[in-house]
Amino acid sequence: MFLEVGLGSGYGAAIVREIVGTDGLVVAIEIDPLTFEFAKRNVTSQ
């Protein structure tokens, strides 16, 4: 399990997701709605 607080661009969460694989869990928390939407677009635009 990996917890990231303040995900920013989402890059760190995406990298950790590759490291932990499909059996791992990555939880990223962002309180700023604009930053959250930015990161969400970055992570889901594959």
PDB file of N, CA and C in Angstrom:
ATOM      1  N   MET A   1       0.844  -1.175   0.000  1.00  0.00           N
ATOM      2  CA  MET A   1       0.000   0.000   0.000  1.00  0.00           C
ATOM      3  C   MET A   1       0.885   1.233   0.000  1.00  0.00           C
ATOM      4  N   PHE A   2       0.479   2.232  -0.761  1.00  0.00           N
ATOM      5  CA  PHE A   2       1.229   3.476  -0.866  1.00  0.00           C
ATOM      6  C   PHE A   2       0.247   4.628  -0.743  1.00  0.00           C
ATOM      7  N   LEU A   3       0.550   5.594   0.116  1.00  0.00           N
ATOM      8  CA  LEU A   3      -0.286   6.776   0.303  1.00  0.00           C
ATOM      9  C   LEU A   3       0.492   8.003  -0.122  1.00  0.00           C
ATOM     10  N   GLU A   4      -0.095   8.786  -1.022  1.00  0.00           N
ATOM     11  CA  GLU A   4       0.518  10.045  -1.444  1.00  0.00           C
ATOM     12  C   GLU A   4      -0.435  11.171  -1.092  1.00  0.00           C
ATOM     13  N   VAL A   5       0.053  12.154  -0.358  1.00  0.00           N
ATOM     14  CA  VAL A   5      -0.750  13.309   0.030  1.00  0.00           C
ATOM     15  C   VAL A   5      -0.278  14.494  -0.787  1.00  0.00           C
ATOM     16  N   GLY A   6      -1.202  15.118  -1.504  1.00  0.00           N
ATOM     17  CA  GLY A   6      -0.861  16.219  -2.386  1.00  0.00           C
ATOM     18  C   GLY A   6      -0.314  15.691  -3.695  1.00  0.00           C
ATOM     19  N   LEU A   7      -1.199  15.178  -4.559  1.00  0.00           N
ATOM     20  CA  LEU A   7      -0.745  14.457  -5.736  1.00  0.00           C
ATOM     21  C   LEU A   7      -0.218  15.329  -6.854  1.00  0.00           C
ATOM     22  N   GLY A   8      -0.461  16.621  -6.849  1.00  0.00           N
ATOM     23  CA  GLY A   8       0.106  17.490  -7.875  1.00  0.00           C
ATOM     24  C   GLY A   8      -0.298  17.079  -9.271  1.00  0.00           C
ATOM     25  N   SER A   9       0.661  16.715 -10.111  1.00  0.00           N
ATOM     26  CA  SER A   9       0.362  16.369 -11.506  1.00  0.00           C
ATOM     27  C   SER A   9      -0.122  14.936 -11.668  1.00  0.00           C
ATOM     28  N   GLY A  10       0.024  14.104 -10.655  1.00  0.00           N
ATOM     29  CA  GLY A  10      -0.359  12.702 -10.748  1.00  0.00           C
ATOM     30  C   GLY A  10       0.775  11.801 -11.197  1.00  0.00           C
ATOM     31  N   TYR A  11       1.909  12.390 -11.548  1.00  0.00           N
ATOM     32  CA  TYR A  11       3.051  11.628 -12.055  1.00  0.00           C
ATOM     33  C   TYR A  11       3.558  10.630 -11.013  1.00  0.00           C
ATOM     34  N   GLY A  12       3.720  11.079  -9.781  1.00  0.00           N
ATOM     35  CA  GLY A  12       4.221  10.208  -8.718  1.00  0.00           C
ATOM     36  C   GLY A  12       3.302   9.023  -8.478  1.00  0.00           C
ATOM     37  N   ALA A  13       1.993   9.275  -8.456  1.00  0.00           N
ATOM     38  CA  ALA A  13       1.036   8.189  -8.253  1.00  0.00           C
ATOM     39  C   ALA A  13       1.085   7.205  -9.412  1.00  0.00           C
ATOM     40  N   ALA A  14       1.250   7.689 -10.628  1.00  0.00           N
ATOM     41  CA  ALA A  14       1.328   6.808 -11.794  1.00  0.00           C
ATOM     42  C   ALA A  14       2.575   5.933 -11.753  1.00  0.00           C
ATOM     43  N   ILE A  15       3.692   6.514 -11.348  1.00  0.00           N
ATOM     44  CA  ILE A  15       4.934   5.743 -11.244  1.00  0.00           C
ATOM     45  C   ILE A  15       4.816   4.669 -10.165  1.00  0.00           C
ATOM     46  N   VAL A  16       4.292   5.048  -9.012  1.00  0.00           N
ATOM     47  CA  VAL A  16       4.139   4.083  -7.918  1.00  0.00           C
ATOM     48  C   VAL A  16       3.176   2.972  -8.324  1.00  0.00           C
ATOM     49  N   ARG A  17       2.144   3.297  -9.090  1.00  0.00           N
ATOM     50  CA  ARG A  17       1.195   2.281  -9.559  1.00  0.00           C
ATOM     51  C   ARG A  17       1.915   1.225 -10.396  1.00  0.00           C
ATOM     52  N   GLU A  18       2.855   1.658 -11.213  1.00  0.00           N
ATOM     53  CA  GLU A  18       3.631   0.708 -12.003  1.00  0.00           C
ATOM     54  C   GLU A  18       4.510  -0.171 -11.108  1.00  0.00           C
ATOM     55  N   ILE A  19       5.014   0.406 -10.036  1.00  0.00           N
ATOM     56  CA  ILE A  19       5.889  -0.336  -9.122  1.00  0.00           C
ATOM     57  C   ILE A  19       5.102  -1.370  -8.318  1.00  0.00           C
ATOM     58  N   VAL A  20       3.948  -0.987  -7.770  1.00  0.00           N
ATOM     59  CA  VAL A  20       3.194  -1.915  -6.910  1.00  0.00           C
ATOM     60  C   VAL A  20       2.429  -2.952  -7.716  1.00  0.00           C
ATOM     61  N   GLY A  21       2.181  -2.699  -8.986  1.00  0.00           N
ATOM     62  CA  GLY A  21       1.501  -3.673  -9.832  1.00  0.00           C
ATOM     63  C   GLY A  21       0.012  -3.763  -9.556  1.00  0.00           C
ATOM     64  N   THR A  22      -0.608  -4.776 -10.169  1.00  0.00           N
ATOM     65  CA  THR A  22      -2.061  -4.910 -10.075  1.00  0.00           C
ATOM     66  C   THR A  22      -2.534  -5.394  -8.711  1.00  0.00           C
ATOM     67  N   ASP A  23      -1.654  -6.002  -7.921  1.00  0.00           N
ATOM     68  CA  ASP A  23      -2.048  -6.481  -6.602  1.00  0.00           C
ATOM     69  C   ASP A  23      -1.862  -5.432  -5.510  1.00  0.00           C
ATOM     70  N   GLY A  24      -1.184  -4.332  -5.821  1.00  0.00           N
ATOM     71  CA  GLY A  24      -0.932  -3.279  -4.846  1.00  0.00           C
ATOM     72  C   GLY A  24      -2.057  -2.268  -4.792  1.00  0.00           C
ATOM     73  N   LEU A  25      -1.937  -1.350  -3.870  1.00  0.00           N
ATOM     74  CA  LEU A  25      -2.937  -0.300  -3.697  1.00  0.00           C
ATOM     75  C   LEU A  25      -2.226   1.035  -3.599  1.00  0.00           C
ATOM     76  N   VAL A  26      -2.644   1.982  -4.424  1.00  0.00           N
ATOM     77  CA  VAL A  26      -2.112   3.343  -4.379  1.00  0.00           C
ATOM     78  C   VAL A  26      -3.268   4.270  -4.040  1.00  0.00           C
ATOM     79  N   VAL A  27      -3.102   5.070  -2.994  1.00  0.00           N
ATOM     80  CA  VAL A  27      -4.107   6.038  -2.588  1.00  0.00           C
ATOM     81  C   VAL A  27      -3.460   7.410  -2.674  1.00  0.00           C
ATOM     82  N   ALA A  28      -4.057   8.310  -3.463  1.00  0.00           N
ATOM     83  CA  ALA A  28      -3.540   9.671  -3.605  1.00  0.00           C
ATOM     84  C   ALA A  28      -4.628  10.649  -3.169  1.00  0.00           C
ATOM     85  N   ILE A  29      -4.237  11.618  -2.366  1.00  0.00           N
ATOM     86  CA  ILE A  29      -5.197  12.575  -1.807  1.00  0.00           C
ATOM     87  C   ILE A  29      -4.792  13.984  -2.216  1.00  0.00           C
ATOM     88  N   GLU A  30      -5.757  14.748  -2.727  1.00  0.00           N
ATOM     89  CA  GLU A  30      -5.534  16.153  -3.080  1.00  0.00           C
ATOM     90  C   GLU A  30      -6.748  16.944  -2.621  1.00  0.00           C
ATOM     91  N   ILE A  31      -6.530  18.058  -1.921  1.00  0.00           N
ATOM     92  CA  ILE A  31      -7.663  18.842  -1.418  1.00  0.00           C
ATOM     93  C   ILE A  31      -8.071  19.967  -2.367  1.00  0.00           C
ATOM     94  N   ASP A  32      -7.196  20.344  -3.284  1.00  0.00           N
ATOM     95  CA  ASP A  32      -7.508  21.423  -4.213  1.00  0.00           C
ATOM     96  C   ASP A  32      -8.227  20.848  -5.440  1.00  0.00           C
ATOM     97  N   PRO A  33      -9.462  21.242  -5.695  1.00  0.00           N
ATOM     98  CA  PRO A  33     -10.230  20.663  -6.803  1.00  0.00           C
ATOM     99  C   PRO A  33      -9.578  20.856  -8.178  1.00  0.00           C
ATOM    100  N   LEU A  34      -8.969  21.991  -8.427  1.00  0.00           N
ATOM    101  CA  LEU A  34      -8.324  22.225  -9.724  1.00  0.00           C
ATOM    102  C   LEU A  34      -7.117  21.319  -9.926  1.00  0.00           C
ATOM    103  N   THR A  35      -6.318  21.164  -8.888  1.00  0.00           N
ATOM    104  CA  THR A  35      -5.155  20.281  -8.970  1.00  0.00           C
ATOM    105  C   THR A  35      -5.600  18.833  -9.123  1.00  0.00           C
ATOM    106  N   PHE A  36      -6.671  18.474  -8.424  1.00  0.00           N
ATOM    107  CA  PHE A  36      -7.208  17.116  -8.547  1.00  0.00           C
ATOM    108  C   PHE A  36      -7.634  16.822  -9.982  1.00  0.00           C
ATOM    109  N   GLU A  37      -8.365  17.728 -10.596  1.00  0.00           N
ATOM    110  CA  GLU A  37      -8.832  17.518 -11.976  1.00  0.00           C
ATOM    111  C   GLU A  37      -7.647  17.441 -12.943  1.00  0.00           C
ATOM    112  N   PHE A  38      -6.633  18.269 -12.728  1.00  0.00           N
ATOM    113  CA  PHE A  38      -5.426  18.242 -13.558  1.00  0.00           C
ATOM    114  C   PHE A  38      -4.748  16.874 -13.463  1.00  0.00           C
ATOM    115  N   ALA A  39      -4.574  16.389 -12.237  1.00  0.00           N
ATOM    116  CA  ALA A  39      -3.932  15.088 -12.025  1.00  0.00           C
ATOM    117  C   ALA A  39      -4.784  13.957 -12.587  1.00  0.00           C
ATOM    118  N   LYS A  40      -6.086  14.046 -12.397  1.00  0.00           N
ATOM    119  CA  LYS A  40      -6.994  13.011 -12.895  1.00  0.00           C
ATOM    120  C   LYS A  40      -6.902  12.904 -14.413  1.00  0.00           C
ATOM    121  N   ARG A  41      -6.870  14.033 -15.100  1.00  0.00           N
ATOM    122  CA  ARG A  41      -6.726  14.020 -16.560  1.00  0.00           C
ATOM    123  C   ARG A  41      -5.381  13.412 -16.977  1.00  0.00           C
ATOM    124  N   ASN A  42      -4.331  13.735 -16.245  1.00  0.00           N
ATOM    125  CA  ASN A  42      -3.004  13.193 -16.566  1.00  0.00           C
ATOM    126  C   ASN A  42      -2.938  11.683 -16.386  1.00  0.00           C
ATOM    127  N   VAL A  43      -3.536  11.192 -15.314  1.00  0.00           N
ATOM    128  CA  VAL A  43      -3.444   9.762 -14.997  1.00  0.00           C
ATOM    129  C   VAL A  43      -4.352   8.937 -15.912  1.00  0.00           C
ATOM    130  N   THR A  44      -5.502   9.471 -16.292  1.00  0.00           N
ATOM    131  CA  THR A  44      -6.452   8.690 -17.087  1.00  0.00           C
ATOM    132  C   THR A  44      -6.295   8.877 -18.592  1.00  0.00           C
ATOM    133  N   SER A  45      -5.377   9.706 -19.036  1.00  0.00           N
ATOM    134  CA  SER A  45      -5.227   9.961 -20.480  1.00  0.00           C
ATOM    135  C   SER A  45      -4.185   9.049 -21.112  1.00  0.00           C
ATOM    136  N   GLN A  46      -4.412   7.764 -21.008  1.00  0.00           N
ATOM    137  CA  GLN A  46      -3.470   6.800 -21.568  1.00  0.00           C
ATOM    138  C   GLN A  46      -3.970   6.256 -22.875  1.00  0.00           C
TER     139      GLN A  46
END
